[in-house]
Amino acid sequence: QVQLVESGGGLVQAGESLRLSCTASGSISSINTMGWYRQVPGKQRELVATLTSGGIPNYVDSVKGRCTISRDNAKNTVYLQMNSLKPEDTGVYYCNAFISTMGRPYMNYWGKGTLVTVSS
């Protein structure tokens, strides 16, 4: 059973930084794209950043220049370094990944989320 577990969320002041981590575990054959999404009550879930297994990143415009997504493939872990945080970055951040198990086709998995709160 594949699981994605996030960590690193918390309460910070505007201008400070956080580093989120997400580790996949289970009977994993391979992992393709991994990424981070965030959601605020009353708003649709928003893509924050994704990173392909080949190292190609994609960011939502609002975090470009402030956030960096990276991964350690040997550890099945993806990170999101968030700098110069703003109150509008507040939300529940969810880890997402396309994972193949037992050599089967890739399936999409979600973590349970980690809360990021940025105060002004």
PDB file of N, CA and C in Angstrom:
ATOM      1  N   GLN A   1       0.843  -1.190   0.000  1.00  0.00           N
ATOM      2  CA  GLN A   1       0.000   0.000   0.000  1.00  0.00           C
ATOM      3  C   GLN A   1       0.880   1.242   0.000  1.00  0.00           C
ATOM      4  N   VAL A   2       0.745   2.060  -1.023  1.00  0.00           N
ATOM      5  CA  VAL A   2       1.538   3.266  -1.151  1.00  0.00           C
ATOM      6  C   VAL A   2       0.983   4.361  -0.260  1.00  0.00           C
ATOM      7  N   GLN A   3       1.881   5.060   0.401  1.00  0.00           N
ATOM      8  CA  GLN A   3       1.507   6.203   1.215  1.00  0.00           C
ATOM      9  C   GLN A   3       2.435   7.364   0.945  1.00  0.00           C
ATOM     10  N   LEU A   4       1.876   8.571   0.993  1.00  0.00           N
ATOM     11  CA  LEU A   4       2.645   9.796   0.914  1.00  0.00           C
ATOM     12  C   LEU A   4       2.457  10.521   2.235  1.00  0.00           C
ATOM     13  N   VAL A   5       3.547  10.832   2.902  1.00  0.00           N
ATOM     14  CA  VAL A   5       3.479  11.483   4.195  1.00  0.00           C
ATOM     15  C   VAL A   5       4.231  12.801   4.150  1.00  0.00           C
ATOM     16  N   GLU A   6       3.513  13.892   4.434  1.00  0.00           N
ATOM     17  CA  GLU A   6       4.104  15.223   4.421  1.00  0.00           C
ATOM     18  C   GLU A   6       4.553  15.635   5.820  1.00  0.00           C
ATOM     19  N   SER A   7       5.493  16.559   5.852  1.00  0.00           N
ATOM     20  CA  SER A   7       5.936  17.140   7.104  1.00  0.00           C
ATOM     21  C   SER A   7       6.523  18.515   6.818  1.00  0.00           C
ATOM     22  N   GLY A   8       6.689  19.308   7.861  1.00  0.00           N
ATOM     23  CA  GLY A   8       7.335  20.597   7.718  1.00  0.00           C
ATOM     24  C   GLY A   8       6.431  21.803   7.810  1.00  0.00           C
ATOM     25  N   GLY A   9       5.129  21.589   7.829  1.00  0.00           N
ATOM     26  CA  GLY A   9       4.216  22.708   7.943  1.00  0.00           C
ATOM     27  C   GLY A   9       4.275  23.317   9.329  1.00  0.00           C
ATOM     28  N   GLY A  10       3.700  24.498   9.453  1.00  0.00           N
ATOM     29  CA  GLY A  10       3.694  25.172  10.734  1.00  0.00           C
ATOM     30  C   GLY A  10       3.251  26.601  10.614  1.00  0.00           C
ATOM     31  N   LEU A  11       3.414  27.324  11.703  1.00  0.00           N
ATOM     32  CA  LEU A  11       3.052  28.731  11.774  1.00  0.00           C
ATOM     33  C   LEU A  11       4.309  29.580  11.704  1.00  0.00           C
ATOM     34  N   VAL A  12       4.347  30.484  10.730  1.00  0.00           N
ATOM     35  CA  VAL A  12       5.489  31.377  10.569  1.00  0.00           C
ATOM     36  C   VAL A  12       4.996  32.786  10.297  1.00  0.00           C
ATOM     37  N   GLN A  13       5.893  33.730  10.468  1.00  0.00           N
ATOM     38  CA  GLN A  13       5.582  35.122  10.170  1.00  0.00           C
ATOM     39  C   GLN A  13       5.905  35.435   8.723  1.00  0.00           C
ATOM     40  N   ALA A  14       5.232  36.418   8.181  1.00  0.00           N
ATOM     41  CA  ALA A  14       5.511  36.853   6.822  1.00  0.00           C
ATOM     42  C   ALA A  14       6.987  37.177   6.667  1.00  0.00           C
ATOM     43  N   GLY A  15       7.555  36.725   5.562  1.00  0.00           N
ATOM     44  CA  GLY A  15       8.962  36.955   5.299  1.00  0.00           C
ATOM     45  C   GLY A  15       9.858  35.806   5.704  1.00  0.00           C
ATOM     46  N   GLU A  16       9.352  34.905   6.515  1.00  0.00           N
ATOM     47  CA  GLU A  16      10.139  33.759   6.958  1.00  0.00           C
ATOM     48  C   GLU A  16      10.042  32.608   5.968  1.00  0.00           C
ATOM     49  N   SER A  17      10.695  31.501   6.298  1.00  0.00           N
ATOM     50  CA  SER A  17      10.785  30.370   5.382  1.00  0.00           C
ATOM     51  C   SER A  17      10.330  29.071   6.016  1.00  0.00           C
ATOM     52  N   LEU A  18       9.936  28.154   5.170  1.00  0.00           N
ATOM     53  CA  LEU A  18       9.582  26.800   5.573  1.00  0.00           C
ATOM     54  C   LEU A  18      10.066  25.838   4.508  1.00  0.00           C
ATOM     55  N   ARG A  19      10.352  24.625   4.935  1.00  0.00           N
ATOM     56  CA  ARG A  19      10.713  23.574   4.002  1.00  0.00           C
ATOM     57  C   ARG A  19       9.801  22.381   4.237  1.00  0.00           C
ATOM     58  N   LEU A  20       8.987  22.068   3.255  1.00  0.00           N
ATOM     59  CA  LEU A  20       8.092  20.933   3.334  1.00  0.00           C
ATOM     60  C   LEU A  20       8.753  19.698   2.752  1.00  0.00           C
ATOM     61  N   SER A  21       8.444  18.549   3.329  1.00  0.00           N
ATOM     62  CA  SER A  21       8.969  17.286   2.839  1.00  0.00           C
ATOM     63  C   SER A  21       7.830  16.304   2.643  1.00  0.00           C
ATOM     64  N   CYS A  22       7.977  15.432   1.681  1.00  0.00           N
ATOM     65  CA  CYS A  22       6.997  14.387   1.438  1.00  0.00           C
ATOM     66  C   CYS A  22       7.733  13.131   1.027  1.00  0.00           C
ATOM     67  N   THR A  23       7.488  12.057   1.747  1.00  0.00           N
ATOM     68  CA  THR A  23       8.144  10.789   1.462  1.00  0.00           C
ATOM     69  C   THR A  23       7.121   9.729   1.081  1.00  0.00           C
ATOM     70  N   ALA A  24       7.375   9.050  -0.017  1.00  0.00           N
ATOM     71  CA  ALA A  24       6.522   7.962  -0.468  1.00  0.00           C
ATOM     72  C   ALA A  24       7.068   6.638   0.045  1.00  0.00           C
ATOM     73  N   SER A  25       6.173   5.772   0.453  1.00  0.00           N
ATOM     74  CA  SER A  25       6.580   4.456   0.931  1.00  0.00           C
ATOM     75  C   SER A  25       5.621   3.396   0.408  1.00  0.00           C
ATOM     76  N   GLY A  26       6.061   2.151   0.432  1.00  0.00           N
ATOM     77  CA  GLY A  26       5.254   1.054  -0.061  1.00  0.00           C
ATOM     78  C   GLY A  26       5.993   0.256  -1.115  1.00  0.00           C
ATOM     79  N   SER A  27       5.248  -0.564  -1.824  1.00  0.00           N
ATOM     80  CA  SER A  27       5.836  -1.397  -2.874  1.00  0.00           C
ATOM     81  C   SER A  27       5.985  -0.595  -4.160  1.00  0.00           C
ATOM     82  N   ILE A  28       6.950   0.285  -4.170  1.00  0.00           N
ATOM     83  CA  ILE A  28       7.142   1.224  -5.267  1.00  0.00           C
ATOM     84  C   ILE A  28       8.131   0.695  -6.296  1.00  0.00           C
ATOM     85  N   SER A  29       7.696   0.700  -7.544  1.00  0.00           N
ATOM     86  CA  SER A  29       8.587   0.343  -8.642  1.00  0.00           C
ATOM     87  C   SER A  29       9.310   1.576  -9.160  1.00  0.00           C
ATOM     88  N   SER A  30       8.549   2.652  -9.358  1.00  0.00           N
ATOM     89  CA  SER A  30       9.132   3.894  -9.828  1.00  0.00           C
ATOM     90  C   SER A  30       8.170   5.042  -9.566  1.00  0.00           C
ATOM     91  N   ILE A  31       8.706   6.258  -9.552  1.00  0.00           N
ATOM     92  CA  ILE A  31       7.915   7.459  -9.341  1.00  0.00           C
ATOM     93  C   ILE A  31       8.182   8.431 -10.470  1.00  0.00           C
ATOM     94  N   ASN A  32       7.118   8.911 -11.073  1.00  0.00           N
ATOM     95  CA  ASN A  32       7.251   9.909 -12.116  1.00  0.00           C
ATOM     96  C   ASN A  32       7.157  11.298 -11.471  1.00  0.00           C
ATOM     97  N   THR A  33       6.271  12.130 -11.951  1.00  0.00           N
ATOM     98  CA  THR A  33       6.160  13.486 -11.426  1.00  0.00           C
ATOM     99  C   THR A  33       5.692  13.502  -9.972  1.00  0.00           C
ATOM    100  N   MET A  34       6.316  14.365  -9.169  1.00  0.00           N
ATOM    101  CA  MET A  34       5.886  14.627  -7.808  1.00  0.00           C
ATOM    102  C   MET A  34       5.613  16.119  -7.701  1.00  0.00           C
ATOM    103  N   GLY A  35       4.723  16.486  -6.800  1.00  0.00           N
ATOM    104  CA  GLY A  35       4.416  17.898  -6.691  1.00  0.00           C
ATOM    105  C   GLY A  35       3.679  18.267  -5.430  1.00  0.00           C
ATOM    106  N   TRP A  36       3.402  19.563  -5.340  1.00  0.00           N
ATOM    107  CA  TRP A  36       2.707  20.128  -4.196  1.00  0.00           C
ATOM    108  C   TRP A  36       1.517  20.953  -4.648  1.00  0.00           C
ATOM    109  N   TYR A  37       0.409  20.791  -3.951  1.00  0.00           N
ATOM    110  CA  TYR A  37      -0.804  21.553  -4.184  1.00  0.00           C
ATOM    111  C   TYR A  37      -1.250  22.144  -2.859  1.00  0.00           C
ATOM    112  N   ARG A  38      -1.973  23.245  -2.904  1.00  0.00           N
ATOM    113  CA  ARG A  38      -2.467  23.834  -1.670  1.00  0.00           C
ATOM    114  C   ARG A  38      -3.938  24.191  -1.820  1.00  0.00           C
ATOM    115  N   GLN A  39      -4.608  24.236  -0.676  1.00  0.00           N
ATOM    116  CA  GLN A  39      -6.024  24.532  -0.682  1.00  0.00           C
ATOM    117  C   GLN A  39      -6.406  25.375   0.528  1.00  0.00           C
ATOM    118  N   VAL A  40      -7.226  26.371   0.271  1.00  0.00           N
ATOM    119  CA  VAL A  40      -7.768  27.242   1.305  1.00  0.00           C
ATOM    120  C   VAL A  40      -9.279  27.047   1.309  1.00  0.00           C
ATOM    121  N   PRO A  41      -9.919  27.051   2.491  1.00  0.00           N
ATOM    122  CA  PRO A  41     -11.372  26.908   2.535  1.00  0.00           C
ATOM    123  C   PRO A  41     -12.071  27.895   1.618  1.00  0.00           C
ATOM    124  N   GLY A  42     -13.000  27.387   0.816  1.00  0.00           N
ATOM    125  CA  GLY A  42     -13.730  28.232  -0.103  1.00  0.00           C
ATOM    126  C   GLY A  42     -13.047  28.430  -1.437  1.00  0.00           C
ATOM    127  N   LYS A  43     -11.848  27.880  -1.592  1.00  0.00           N
ATOM    128  CA  LYS A  43     -11.107  28.013  -2.835  1.00  0.00           C
ATOM    129  C   LYS A  43     -10.798  26.636  -3.417  1.00  0.00           C
ATOM    130  N   GLN A  44     -10.598  26.604  -4.712  1.00  0.00           N
ATOM    131  CA  GLN A  44     -10.222  25.355  -5.365  1.00  0.00           C
ATOM    132  C   GLN A  44      -8.764  25.025  -5.067  1.00  0.00           C
ATOM    133  N   ARG A  45      -8.466  23.747  -5.070  1.00  0.00           N
ATOM    134  CA  ARG A  45      -7.094  23.310  -4.877  1.00  0.00           C
ATOM    135  C   ARG A  45      -6.229  23.850  -6.008  1.00  0.00           C
ATOM    136  N   GLU A  46      -5.055  24.327  -5.665  1.00  0.00           N
ATOM    137  CA  GLU A  46      -4.183  24.994  -6.607  1.00  0.00           C
ATOM    138  C   GLU A  46      -2.838  24.297  -6.700  1.00  0.00           C
ATOM    139  N   LEU A  47      -2.375  24.102  -7.908  1.00  0.00           N
ATOM    140  CA  LEU A  47      -1.036  23.571  -8.106  1.00  0.00           C
ATOM    141  C   LEU A  47      -0.019  24.614  -7.672  1.00  0.00           C
ATOM    142  N   VAL A  48       0.934  24.208  -6.855  1.00  0.00           N
ATOM    143  CA  VAL A  48       1.996  25.102  -6.412  1.00  0.00           C
ATOM    144  C   VAL A  48       3.266  24.830  -7.204  1.00  0.00           C
ATOM    145  N   ALA A  49       3.684  23.582  -7.225  1.00  0.00           N
ATOM    146  CA  ALA A  49       4.898  23.220  -7.937  1.00  0.00           C
ATOM    147  C   ALA A  49       4.907  21.732  -8.239  1.00  0.00           C
ATOM    148  N   THR A  50       5.473  21.374  -9.367  1.00  0.00           N
ATOM    149  CA  THR A  50       5.668  19.976  -9.719  1.00  0.00           C
ATOM    150  C   THR A  50       7.086  19.795 -10.223  1.00  0.00           C
ATOM    151  N   LEU A  51       7.549  18.560 -10.148  1.00  0.00           N
ATOM    152  CA  LEU A  51       8.899  18.239 -10.592  1.00  0.00           C
ATOM    153  C   LEU A  51       8.898  16.850 -11.191  1.00  0.00           C
ATOM    154  N   THR A  52       9.296  16.753 -12.447  1.00  0.00           N
ATOM    155  CA  THR A  52       9.349  15.455 -13.101  1.00  0.00           C
ATOM    156  C   THR A  52      10.535  14.662 -12.584  1.00  0.00           C
ATOM    157  N   SER A  53      10.518  13.370 -12.868  1.00  0.00           N
ATOM    158  CA  SER A  53      11.623  12.520 -12.451  1.00  0.00           C
ATOM    159  C   SER A  53      12.921  12.922 -13.139  1.00  0.00           C
ATOM    160  N   GLY A  54      12.797  13.598 -14.281  1.00  0.00           N
ATOM    161  CA  GLY A  54      13.959  14.075 -15.004  1.00  0.00           C
ATOM    162  C   GLY A  54      14.458  15.430 -14.551  1.00  0.00           C
ATOM    163  N   GLY A  55      13.760  16.034 -13.572  1.00  0.00           N
ATOM    164  CA  GLY A  55      14.228  17.293 -13.018  1.00  0.00           C
ATOM    165  C   GLY A  55      13.654  18.552 -13.631  1.00  0.00           C
ATOM    166  N   ILE A  56      12.522  18.443 -14.323  1.00  0.00           N
ATOM    167  CA  ILE A  56      11.893  19.618 -14.919  1.00  0.00           C
ATOM    168  C   ILE A  56      10.826  20.168 -13.979  1.00  0.00           C
ATOM    169  N   PRO A  57      11.008  21.394 -13.477  1.00  0.00           N
ATOM    170  CA  PRO A  57      10.044  21.964 -12.533  1.00  0.00           C
ATOM    171  C   PRO A  57       8.985  22.830 -13.204  1.00  0.00           C
ATOM    172  N   ASN A  58       7.888  23.005 -12.497  1.00  0.00           N
ATOM    173  CA  ASN A  58       6.827  23.897 -12.927  1.00  0.00           C
ATOM    174  C   ASN A  58       6.246  24.550 -11.680  1.00  0.00           C
ATOM    175  N   TYR A  59       6.028  25.886 -11.736  1.00  0.00           N
ATOM    176  CA  TYR A  59       5.526  26.620 -10.587  1.00  0.00           C
ATOM    177  C   TYR A  59       4.338  27.483 -10.962  1.00  0.00           C
ATOM    178  N   VAL A  60       3.448  27.671 -10.008  1.00  0.00           N
ATOM    179  CA  VAL A  60       2.400  28.656 -10.189  1.00  0.00           C
ATOM    180  C   VAL A  60       3.064  30.032 -10.121  1.00  0.00           C
ATOM    181  N   ASP A  61       2.547  30.984 -10.886  1.00  0.00           N
ATOM    182  CA  ASP A  61       3.184  32.292 -10.989  1.00  0.00           C
ATOM    183  C   ASP A  61       3.400  32.966  -9.633  1.00  0.00           C
ATOM    184  N   SER A  62       2.477  32.791  -8.722  1.00  0.00           N
ATOM    185  CA  SER A  62       2.541  33.494  -7.451  1.00  0.00           C
ATOM    186  C   SER A  62       3.711  33.079  -6.558  1.00  0.00           C
ATOM    187  N   VAL A  63       4.336  31.947  -6.830  1.00  0.00           N
ATOM    188  CA  VAL A  63       5.451  31.504  -5.996  1.00  0.00           C
ATOM    189  C   VAL A  63       6.778  31.515  -6.729  1.00  0.00           C
ATOM    190  N   LYS A  64       6.766  31.844  -7.993  1.00  0.00           N
ATOM    191  CA  LYS A  64       8.007  31.881  -8.761  1.00  0.00           C
ATOM    192  C   LYS A  64       8.979  32.884  -8.153  1.00  0.00           C
ATOM    193  N   GLY A  65      10.213  32.434  -7.976  1.00  0.00           N
ATOM    194  CA  GLY A  65      11.223  33.282  -7.379  1.00  0.00           C
ATOM    195  C   GLY A  65      11.307  33.156  -5.878  1.00  0.00           C
ATOM    196  N   ARG A  66      10.301  32.560  -5.257  1.00  0.00           N
ATOM    197  CA  ARG A  66      10.278  32.414  -3.803  1.00  0.00           C
ATOM    198  C   ARG A  66      10.341  30.955  -3.362  1.00  0.00           C
ATOM    199  N   CYS A  67       9.905  30.057  -4.222  1.00  0.00           N
ATOM    200  CA  CYS A  67       9.855  28.644  -3.869  1.00  0.00           C
ATOM    201  C   CYS A  67      10.708  27.803  -4.805  1.00  0.00           C
ATOM    202  N   THR A  68      11.245  26.734  -4.256  1.00  0.00           N
ATOM    203  CA  THR A  68      12.043  25.805  -5.036  1.00  0.00           C
ATOM    204  C   THR A  68      11.626  24.381  -4.704  1.00  0.00           C
ATOM    205  N   ILE A  69      11.274  23.624  -5.723  1.00  0.00           N
ATOM    206  CA  ILE A  69      10.926  22.230  -5.530  1.00  0.00           C
ATOM    207  C   ILE A  69      12.134  21.372  -5.892  1.00  0.00           C
ATOM    208  N   SER A  70      12.368  20.347  -5.115  1.00  0.00           N
ATOM    209  CA  SER A  70      13.480  19.441  -5.363  1.00  0.00           C
ATOM    210  C   SER A  70      13.086  18.044  -4.914  1.00  0.00           C
ATOM    211  N   ARG A  71      13.893  17.074  -5.249  1.00  0.00           N
ATOM    212  CA  ARG A  71      13.586  15.705  -4.844  1.00  0.00           C
ATOM    213  C   ARG A  71      14.849  14.884  -4.685  1.00  0.00           C
ATOM    214  N   ASP A  72      14.745  13.879  -3.852  1.00  0.00           N
ATOM    215  CA  ASP A  72      15.794  12.907  -3.653  1.00  0.00           C
ATOM    216  C   ASP A  72      15.194  11.573  -4.071  1.00  0.00           C
ATOM    217  N   ASN A  73      15.494  11.150  -5.271  1.00  0.00           N
ATOM    218  CA  ASN A  73      14.881   9.945  -5.809  1.00  0.00           C
ATOM    219  C   ASN A  73      15.252   8.686  -5.023  1.00  0.00           C
ATOM    220  N   ALA A  74      16.455   8.659  -4.477  1.00  0.00           N
ATOM    221  CA  ALA A  74      16.882   7.505  -3.693  1.00  0.00           C
ATOM    222  C   ALA A  74      16.062   7.351  -2.427  1.00  0.00           C
ATOM    223  N   LYS A  75      15.516   8.467  -1.936  1.00  0.00           N
ATOM    224  CA  LYS A  75      14.713   8.451  -0.721  1.00  0.00           C
ATOM    225  C   LYS A  75      13.220   8.563  -1.000  1.00  0.00           C
ATOM    226  N   ASN A  76      12.846   8.597  -2.271  1.00  0.00           N
ATOM    227  CA  ASN A  76      11.440   8.756  -2.661  1.00  0.00           C
ATOM    228  C   ASN A  76      10.820   9.977  -1.983  1.00  0.00           C
ATOM    229  N   THR A  77      11.570  11.047  -1.950  1.00  0.00           N
ATOM    230  CA  THR A  77      11.159  12.239  -1.224  1.00  0.00           C
ATOM    231  C   THR A  77      11.194  13.476  -2.116  1.00  0.00           C
ATOM    232  N   VAL A  78      10.179  14.315  -1.974  1.00  0.00           N
ATOM    233  CA  VAL A  78      10.125  15.593  -2.666  1.00  0.00           C
ATOM    234  C   VAL A  78      10.053  16.692  -1.616  1.00  0.00           C
ATOM    235  N   TYR A  79      10.701  17.822  -1.904  1.00  0.00           N
ATOM    236  CA  TYR A  79      10.759  18.940  -0.979  1.00  0.00           C
ATOM    237  C   TYR A  79      10.203  20.197  -1.631  1.00  0.00           C
ATOM    238  N   LEU A  80       9.735  21.101  -0.796  1.00  0.00           N
ATOM    239  CA  LEU A  80       9.339  22.419  -1.265  1.00  0.00           C
ATOM    240  C   LEU A  80       9.921  23.439  -0.303  1.00  0.00           C
ATOM    241  N   GLN A  81      10.944  24.147  -0.758  1.00  0.00           N
ATOM    242  CA  GLN A  81      11.538  25.213   0.023  1.00  0.00           C
ATOM    243  C   GLN A  81      10.775  26.490  -0.278  1.00  0.00           C
ATOM    244  N   MET A  82      10.185  27.083   0.740  1.00  0.00           N
ATOM    245  CA  MET A  82       9.387  28.285   0.577  1.00  0.00           C
ATOM    246  C   MET A  82      10.029  29.430   1.345  1.00  0.00           C
ATOM    247  N   ASN A  83      10.422  30.459   0.627  1.00  0.00           N
ATOM    248  CA  ASN A  83      11.053  31.627   1.217  1.00  0.00           C
ATOM    249  C   ASN A  83      10.156  32.850   1.058  1.00  0.00           C
ATOM    250  N   SER A  84      10.460  33.874   1.836  1.00  0.00           N
ATOM    251  CA  SER A  84       9.704  35.126   1.765  1.00  0.00           C
ATOM    252  C   SER A  84       8.205  34.873   1.772  1.00  0.00           C
ATOM    253  N   LEU A  85       7.771  34.072   2.704  1.00  0.00           N
ATOM    254  CA  LEU A  85       6.374  33.670   2.758  1.00  0.00           C
ATOM    255  C   LEU A  85       5.442  34.850   2.986  1.00  0.00           C
ATOM    256  N   LYS A  86       4.287  34.770   2.371  1.00  0.00           N
ATOM    257  CA  LYS A  86       3.265  35.793   2.460  1.00  0.00           C
ATOM    258  C   LYS A  86       1.998  35.200   3.062  1.00  0.00           C
ATOM    259  N   PRO A  87       1.161  36.025   3.674  1.00  0.00           N
ATOM    260  CA  PRO A  87      -0.093  35.511   4.233  1.00  0.00           C
ATOM    261  C   PRO A  87      -0.927  34.736   3.214  1.00  0.00           C
ATOM    262  N   GLU A  88      -0.884  35.144   1.965  1.00  0.00           N
ATOM    263  CA  GLU A  88      -1.641  34.451   0.938  1.00  0.00           C
ATOM    264  C   GLU A  88      -1.089  33.070   0.593  1.00  0.00           C
ATOM    265  N   ASP A  89       0.068  32.713   1.155  1.00  0.00           N
ATOM    266  CA  ASP A  89       0.598  31.366   0.997  1.00  0.00           C
ATOM    267  C   ASP A  89      -0.046  30.390   1.969  1.00  0.00           C
ATOM    268  N   THR A  90      -0.812  30.902   2.894  1.00  0.00           N
ATOM    269  CA  THR A  90      -1.475  30.072   3.892  1.00  0.00           C
ATOM    270  C   THR A  90      -2.392  29.044   3.237  1.00  0.00           C
ATOM    271  N   GLY A  91      -2.366  27.831   3.754  1.00  0.00           N
ATOM    272  CA  GLY A  91      -3.231  26.790   3.240  1.00  0.00           C
ATOM    273  C   GLY A  91      -2.743  25.417   3.654  1.00  0.00           C
ATOM    274  N   VAL A  92      -3.513  24.420   3.304  1.00  0.00           N
ATOM    275  CA  VAL A  92      -3.098  23.045   3.514  1.00  0.00           C
ATOM    276  C   VAL A  92      -2.361  22.596   2.264  1.00  0.00           C
ATOM    277  N   TYR A  93      -1.137  22.165   2.442  1.00  0.00           N
ATOM    278  CA  TYR A  93      -0.307  21.746   1.321  1.00  0.00           C
ATOM    279  C   TYR A  93      -0.327  20.230   1.203  1.00  0.00           C
ATOM    280  N   TYR A  94      -0.692  19.762   0.026  1.00  0.00           N
ATOM    281  CA  TYR A  94      -0.808  18.340  -0.237  1.00  0.00           C
ATOM    282  C   TYR A  94       0.276  17.866  -1.193  1.00  0.00           C
ATOM    283  N   CYS A  95       0.869  16.750  -0.849  1.00  0.00           N
ATOM    284  CA  CYS A  95       1.843  16.112  -1.716  1.00  0.00           C
ATOM    285  C   CYS A  95       1.123  15.244  -2.738  1.00  0.00           C
ATOM    286  N   ASN A  96       1.621  15.230  -3.949  1.00  0.00           N
ATOM    287  CA  ASN A  96       1.026  14.439  -5.021  1.00  0.00           C
ATOM    288  C   ASN A  96       2.128  13.753  -5.811  1.00  0.00           C
ATOM    289  N   ALA A  97       1.851  12.526  -6.249  1.00  0.00           N
ATOM    290  CA  ALA A  97       2.857  11.801  -7.016  1.00  0.00           C
ATOM    291  C   ALA A  97       2.220  10.748  -7.899  1.00  0.00           C
ATOM    292  N   PHE A  98       2.839  10.530  -9.041  1.00  0.00           N
ATOM    293  CA  PHE A  98       2.467   9.436  -9.921  1.00  0.00           C
ATOM    294  C   PHE A  98       3.437   8.296  -9.652  1.00  0.00           C
ATOM    295  N   ILE A  99       2.886   7.170  -9.208  1.00  0.00           N
ATOM    296  CA  ILE A  99       3.706   6.066  -8.750  1.00  0.00           C
ATOM    297  C   ILE A  99       3.286   4.759  -9.410  1.00  0.00           C
ATOM    298  N   SER A 100       4.274   3.974  -9.789  1.00  0.00           N
ATOM    299  CA  SER A 100       4.048   2.638 -10.315  1.00  0.00           C
ATOM    300  C   SER A 100       4.420   1.623  -9.251  1.00  0.00           C
ATOM    301  N   THR A 101       3.545   0.657  -9.033  1.00  0.00           N
ATOM    302  CA  THR A 101       3.820  -0.424  -8.096  1.00  0.00           C
ATOM    303  C   THR A 101       3.768  -1.750  -8.844  1.00  0.00           C
ATOM    304  N   MET A 102       4.670  -2.657  -8.489  1.00  0.00           N
ATOM    305  CA  MET A 102       4.712  -3.978  -9.109  1.00  0.00           C
ATOM    306  C   MET A 102       4.838  -3.910 -10.629  1.00  0.00           C
ATOM    307  N   GLY A 103       5.447  -2.859 -11.131  1.00  0.00           N
ATOM    308  CA  GLY A 103       5.633  -2.707 -12.557  1.00  0.00           C
ATOM    309  C   GLY A 103       4.371  -2.363 -13.321  1.00  0.00           C
ATOM    310  N   ARG A 104       3.299  -2.019 -12.612  1.00  0.00           N
ATOM    311  CA  ARG A 104       2.032  -1.678 -13.234  1.00  0.00           C
ATOM    312  C   ARG A 104       2.009  -0.224 -13.691  1.00  0.00           C
ATOM    313  N   PRO A 105       0.966   0.156 -14.459  1.00  0.00           N
ATOM    314  CA  PRO A 105       0.857   1.549 -14.899  1.00  0.00           C
ATOM    315  C   PRO A 105       0.824   2.520 -13.727  1.00  0.00           C
ATOM    316  N   TYR A 106       1.288   3.726 -13.965  1.00  0.00           N
ATOM    317  CA  TYR A 106       1.325   4.742 -12.930  1.00  0.00           C
ATOM    318  C   TYR A 106      -0.070   5.104 -12.442  1.00  0.00           C
ATOM    319  N   MET A 107      -0.170   5.353 -11.138  1.00  0.00           N
ATOM    320  CA  MET A 107      -1.390   5.827 -10.525  1.00  0.00           C
ATOM    321  C   MET A 107      -1.071   7.074  -9.723  1.00  0.00           C
ATOM    322  N   ASN A 108      -2.075   7.911  -9.531  1.00  0.00           N
ATOM    323  CA  ASN A 108      -1.889   9.161  -8.814  1.00  0.00           C
ATOM    324  C   ASN A 108      -2.225   8.987  -7.342  1.00  0.00           C
ATOM    325  N   TYR A 109      -1.340   9.491  -6.468  1.00  0.00           N
ATOM    326  CA  TYR A 109      -1.523   9.387  -5.027  1.00  0.00           C
ATOM    327  C   TYR A 109      -1.443  10.753  -4.374  1.00  0.00           C
ATOM    328  N   TRP A 110      -2.147  10.881  -3.258  1.00  0.00           N
ATOM    329  CA  TRP A 110      -2.165  12.117  -2.484  1.00  0.00           C
ATOM    330  C   TRP A 110      -1.806  11.860  -1.031  1.00  0.00           C
ATOM    331  N   GLY A 111      -1.104  12.805  -0.437  1.00  0.00           N
ATOM    332  CA  GLY A 111      -0.872  12.773   0.987  1.00  0.00           C
ATOM    333  C   GLY A 111      -2.055  13.382   1.708  1.00  0.00           C
ATOM    334  N   LYS A 112      -2.019  13.356   3.029  1.00  0.00           N
ATOM    335  CA  LYS A 112      -3.115  13.893   3.817  1.00  0.00           C
ATOM    336  C   LYS A 112      -3.002  15.389   4.065  1.00  0.00           C
ATOM    337  N   GLY A 113      -1.866  15.965   3.751  1.00  0.00           N
ATOM    338  CA  GLY A 113      -1.689  17.397   3.852  1.00  0.00           C
ATOM    339  C   GLY A 113      -0.963  17.852   5.099  1.00  0.00           C
ATOM    340  N   THR A 114      -0.330  19.000   4.988  1.00  0.00           N
ATOM    341  CA  THR A 114       0.317  19.649   6.123  1.00  0.00           C
ATOM    342  C   THR A 114      -0.050  21.130   6.079  1.00  0.00           C
ATOM    343  N   LEU A 115      -0.422  21.669   7.215  1.00  0.00           N
ATOM    344  CA  LEU A 115      -0.925  23.037   7.282  1.00  0.00           C
ATOM    345  C   LEU A 115       0.203  24.052   7.376  1.00  0.00           C
ATOM    346  N   VAL A 116       0.134  25.046   6.502  1.00  0.00           N
ATOM    347  CA  VAL A 116       1.059  26.171   6.523  1.00  0.00           C
ATOM    348  C   VAL A 116       0.259  27.430   6.818  1.00  0.00           C
ATOM    349  N   THR A 117       0.630  28.117   7.881  1.00  0.00           N
ATOM    350  CA  THR A 117      -0.042  29.360   8.249  1.00  0.00           C
ATOM    351  C   THR A 117       0.983  30.477   8.321  1.00  0.00           C
ATOM    352  N   VAL A 118       0.760  31.521   7.550  1.00  0.00           N
ATOM    353  CA  VAL A 118       1.669  32.658   7.512  1.00  0.00           C
ATOM    354  C   VAL A 118       0.947  33.870   8.080  1.00  0.00           C
ATOM    355  N   SER A 119       1.447  34.380   9.178  1.00  0.00           N
ATOM    356  CA  SER A 119       0.837  35.533   9.819  1.00  0.00           C
ATOM    357  C   SER A 119       1.508  36.812   9.366  1.00  0.00           C
ATOM    358  N   SER A 120       0.754  37.898   9.390  1.00  0.00           N
ATOM    359  CA  SER A 120       1.282  39.203   9.025  1.00  0.00           C
ATOM    360  C   SER A 120       1.713  39.985  10.248  1.00  0.00           C
TER     361      SER A 120
END
